[in-house]
């Protein structure tokens, strides 16, 4: 089974959303990616369709943007 991926950038809005998501989804069914710490994953996030973080990409490829924390332009720097 493919996992959902929760992308964030480590900001307070993102960290708060991460905690809420992890309370809702079994941790075996989700991967958390902090783009602020792992910039090598930014192209993957862009290819998935992220416009901002935090965002959840579902196993079937839908991107759910959650409570605007930062645009991808801000994340890229």
N, C-alpha and C. Protein backbone atom coordinates (compact mmCIF):
# COMPACT_ATOMS: atom_id res chain seq x y z
N UNK A 1 0.84 -1.18 0.00
CA UNK A 1 0.00 0.00 0.00
C UNK A 1 0.88 1.24 0.00
N UNK A 2 0.56 2.17 -0.85
CA UNK A 2 1.29 3.42 -0.94
C UNK A 2 0.87 4.33 0.22
N UNK A 3 1.83 5.07 0.76
CA UNK A 3 1.56 5.97 1.89
C UNK A 3 1.18 7.36 1.41
N UNK A 4 0.47 8.09 2.28
CA UNK A 4 0.29 9.52 2.09
C UNK A 4 1.61 10.17 2.48
N UNK A 5 1.87 11.36 1.92
CA UNK A 5 3.08 12.10 2.28
C UNK A 5 2.66 13.48 2.77
N UNK A 6 3.09 13.82 3.97
CA UNK A 6 2.81 15.15 4.53
C UNK A 6 4.08 15.97 4.42
N UNK A 7 4.01 17.03 3.61
CA UNK A 7 5.15 17.92 3.41
C UNK A 7 4.97 19.17 4.26
N UNK A 8 6.05 19.62 4.88
CA UNK A 8 6.02 20.89 5.60
C UNK A 8 7.41 21.50 5.60
N UNK A 9 7.51 22.70 6.18
CA UNK A 9 8.79 23.41 6.15
C UNK A 9 9.33 23.71 7.54
N UNK A 10 8.67 23.19 8.57
CA UNK A 10 9.18 23.37 9.93
C UNK A 10 8.68 24.61 10.65
N UNK A 11 7.87 25.43 10.00
CA UNK A 11 7.35 26.64 10.65
C UNK A 11 6.29 26.25 11.68
N UNK A 12 5.92 27.16 12.59
CA UNK A 12 4.94 26.82 13.61
C UNK A 12 3.60 26.33 13.05
N UNK A 13 3.12 26.93 11.96
CA UNK A 13 1.87 26.48 11.34
C UNK A 13 2.02 25.04 10.86
N UNK A 14 3.16 24.75 10.24
CA UNK A 14 3.42 23.40 9.71
C UNK A 14 3.53 22.36 10.82
N UNK A 15 4.24 22.70 11.87
CA UNK A 15 4.44 21.75 12.98
C UNK A 15 3.11 21.45 13.66
N UNK A 16 2.28 22.47 13.83
CA UNK A 16 0.96 22.27 14.41
C UNK A 16 0.11 21.35 13.54
N UNK A 17 0.13 21.60 12.23
CA UNK A 17 -0.62 20.75 11.30
C UNK A 17 -0.09 19.32 11.30
N UNK A 18 1.25 19.18 11.40
CA UNK A 18 1.85 17.84 11.45
C UNK A 18 1.30 17.06 12.65
N UNK A 19 1.24 17.69 13.80
CA UNK A 19 0.74 17.01 14.99
C UNK A 19 -0.72 16.59 14.82
N UNK A 20 -1.53 17.46 14.22
CA UNK A 20 -2.93 17.12 13.98
C UNK A 20 -3.06 15.96 13.01
N UNK A 21 -2.27 16.00 11.93
CA UNK A 21 -2.32 14.92 10.93
C UNK A 21 -1.90 13.60 11.55
N UNK A 22 -0.83 13.62 12.35
CA UNK A 22 -0.36 12.38 12.97
C UNK A 22 -1.34 11.84 14.00
N UNK A 23 -2.19 12.69 14.54
CA UNK A 23 -3.25 12.22 15.44
C UNK A 23 -4.42 11.61 14.67
N UNK A 24 -4.53 11.96 13.40
CA UNK A 24 -5.64 11.47 12.58
C UNK A 24 -5.30 10.24 11.74
N UNK A 25 -4.05 10.16 11.31
CA UNK A 25 -3.64 9.09 10.39
C UNK A 25 -2.61 8.20 11.08
N UNK A 26 -2.78 6.92 10.98
CA UNK A 26 -1.84 5.96 11.54
C UNK A 26 -0.45 6.23 10.97
N UNK A 27 0.55 6.32 11.82
CA UNK A 27 1.90 6.66 11.39
C UNK A 27 2.49 5.65 10.40
N UNK A 28 1.95 4.44 10.34
CA UNK A 28 2.42 3.47 9.35
C UNK A 28 1.88 3.77 7.96
N UNK A 29 0.93 4.71 7.86
CA UNK A 29 0.29 5.04 6.60
C UNK A 29 0.70 6.40 6.06
N UNK A 30 1.67 7.05 6.72
CA UNK A 30 2.06 8.40 6.31
C UNK A 30 3.57 8.59 6.45
N UNK A 31 4.13 9.34 5.52
CA UNK A 31 5.53 9.75 5.59
C UNK A 31 5.53 11.26 5.80
N UNK A 32 6.33 11.74 6.73
CA UNK A 32 6.45 13.17 6.99
C UNK A 32 7.76 13.65 6.40
N UNK A 33 7.68 14.71 5.58
CA UNK A 33 8.87 15.27 4.95
C UNK A 33 8.96 16.75 5.33
N UNK A 34 10.04 17.11 6.00
CA UNK A 34 10.31 18.50 6.34
C UNK A 34 11.22 19.07 5.25
N UNK A 35 10.65 19.87 4.38
CA UNK A 35 11.40 20.41 3.25
C UNK A 35 12.43 21.44 3.70
N UNK A 36 12.27 21.99 4.89
CA UNK A 36 13.26 22.90 5.43
C UNK A 36 14.55 22.17 5.79
N UNK A 37 14.42 20.91 6.16
CA UNK A 37 15.57 20.09 6.52
C UNK A 37 16.07 19.24 5.37
N UNK A 38 15.19 18.86 4.46
CA UNK A 38 15.56 17.98 3.35
C UNK A 38 15.18 18.63 2.02
N UNK A 39 15.97 19.61 1.62
CA UNK A 39 15.69 20.36 0.39
C UNK A 39 15.77 19.50 -0.87
N UNK A 40 16.43 18.34 -0.77
CA UNK A 40 16.52 17.45 -1.93
C UNK A 40 15.15 16.91 -2.34
N UNK A 41 14.16 17.01 -1.46
CA UNK A 41 12.81 16.51 -1.76
C UNK A 41 11.91 17.58 -2.38
N UNK A 42 12.42 18.83 -2.52
CA UNK A 42 11.62 19.91 -3.09
C UNK A 42 11.16 19.60 -4.51
N UNK A 43 12.02 19.12 -5.42
CA UNK A 43 11.54 18.80 -6.78
C UNK A 43 10.40 17.77 -6.77
N UNK A 44 10.50 16.80 -5.90
CA UNK A 44 9.44 15.78 -5.77
C UNK A 44 8.12 16.44 -5.34
N UNK A 45 8.20 17.35 -4.37
CA UNK A 45 7.00 18.04 -3.89
C UNK A 45 6.40 18.91 -4.99
N UNK A 46 7.25 19.59 -5.74
CA UNK A 46 6.76 20.41 -6.85
C UNK A 46 6.10 19.55 -7.91
N UNK A 47 6.72 18.41 -8.23
CA UNK A 47 6.15 17.50 -9.23
C UNK A 47 4.78 16.97 -8.79
N UNK A 48 4.63 16.78 -7.48
CA UNK A 48 3.35 16.30 -6.94
C UNK A 48 2.26 17.37 -7.03
N UNK A 49 2.68 18.65 -7.19
CA UNK A 49 1.70 19.72 -7.34
C UNK A 49 1.56 20.64 -6.15
N UNK A 50 2.50 20.59 -5.21
CA UNK A 50 2.42 21.47 -4.05
C UNK A 50 2.60 22.92 -4.46
N UNK A 51 1.72 23.77 -3.95
CA UNK A 51 1.82 25.21 -4.15
C UNK A 51 2.26 25.89 -2.87
N UNK A 52 1.99 25.22 -1.75
CA UNK A 52 2.34 25.76 -0.44
C UNK A 52 2.44 24.60 0.54
N UNK A 53 3.00 24.90 1.70
CA UNK A 53 3.06 23.92 2.78
C UNK A 53 2.39 24.53 4.00
N UNK A 54 1.85 23.73 4.86
CA UNK A 54 1.80 22.27 4.85
C UNK A 54 0.80 21.74 3.81
N UNK A 55 1.09 20.54 3.34
CA UNK A 55 0.22 19.88 2.37
C UNK A 55 0.34 18.38 2.51
N UNK A 56 -0.75 17.71 2.23
CA UNK A 56 -0.80 16.25 2.29
C UNK A 56 -1.06 15.73 0.89
N UNK A 57 -0.21 14.83 0.43
CA UNK A 57 -0.42 14.17 -0.85
C UNK A 57 -0.95 12.77 -0.55
N UNK A 58 -2.15 12.49 -1.06
CA UNK A 58 -2.79 11.21 -0.80
C UNK A 58 -2.19 10.13 -1.69
N UNK A 59 -2.40 8.87 -1.35
CA UNK A 59 -1.84 7.78 -2.16
C UNK A 59 -2.24 7.83 -3.64
N UNK A 60 -3.40 8.40 -3.95
CA UNK A 60 -3.81 8.47 -5.36
C UNK A 60 -3.38 9.77 -6.03
N UNK A 61 -2.56 10.60 -5.33
CA UNK A 61 -1.97 11.78 -5.94
C UNK A 61 -2.68 13.10 -5.71
N UNK A 62 -3.78 13.08 -4.97
CA UNK A 62 -4.45 14.35 -4.67
C UNK A 62 -3.61 15.15 -3.68
N UNK A 63 -3.53 16.46 -3.91
CA UNK A 63 -2.79 17.34 -3.01
C UNK A 63 -3.80 18.13 -2.19
N UNK A 64 -3.69 17.99 -0.87
CA UNK A 64 -4.57 18.71 0.04
C UNK A 64 -3.73 19.77 0.74
N UNK A 65 -3.91 21.03 0.34
CA UNK A 65 -3.19 22.13 0.97
C UNK A 65 -3.89 22.45 2.28
N UNK A 66 -3.11 22.54 3.35
CA UNK A 66 -3.65 22.69 4.70
C UNK A 66 -3.15 24.00 5.31
N UNK A 67 -4.07 24.89 5.68
CA UNK A 67 -3.72 26.08 6.45
C UNK A 67 -2.39 26.69 6.04
N UNK A 68 -2.41 27.62 5.14
CA UNK A 68 -1.21 28.21 4.54
C UNK A 68 -0.14 28.56 5.56
N UNK A 69 1.05 27.99 5.36
CA UNK A 69 2.20 28.29 6.20
C UNK A 69 3.25 29.03 5.41
N UNK A 70 3.56 28.54 4.19
CA UNK A 70 4.54 29.18 3.33
C UNK A 70 4.33 28.71 1.89
N UNK A 71 4.60 29.60 0.95
CA UNK A 71 4.53 29.21 -0.45
C UNK A 71 5.75 28.36 -0.79
N UNK A 72 5.67 27.61 -1.87
CA UNK A 72 6.83 26.82 -2.29
C UNK A 72 7.98 27.75 -2.68
N UNK A 73 7.67 28.94 -3.19
CA UNK A 73 8.74 29.91 -3.51
C UNK A 73 9.52 30.28 -2.25
N UNK A 74 8.80 30.44 -1.13
CA UNK A 74 9.46 30.75 0.14
C UNK A 74 10.32 29.58 0.61
N UNK A 75 9.82 28.36 0.41
CA UNK A 75 10.55 27.17 0.82
C UNK A 75 11.83 27.01 0.01
N UNK A 76 11.72 27.25 -1.28
CA UNK A 76 12.88 27.14 -2.17
C UNK A 76 13.93 28.18 -1.82
N UNK A 77 13.46 29.36 -1.44
CA UNK A 77 14.38 30.43 -1.01
C UNK A 77 14.81 31.24 -2.11
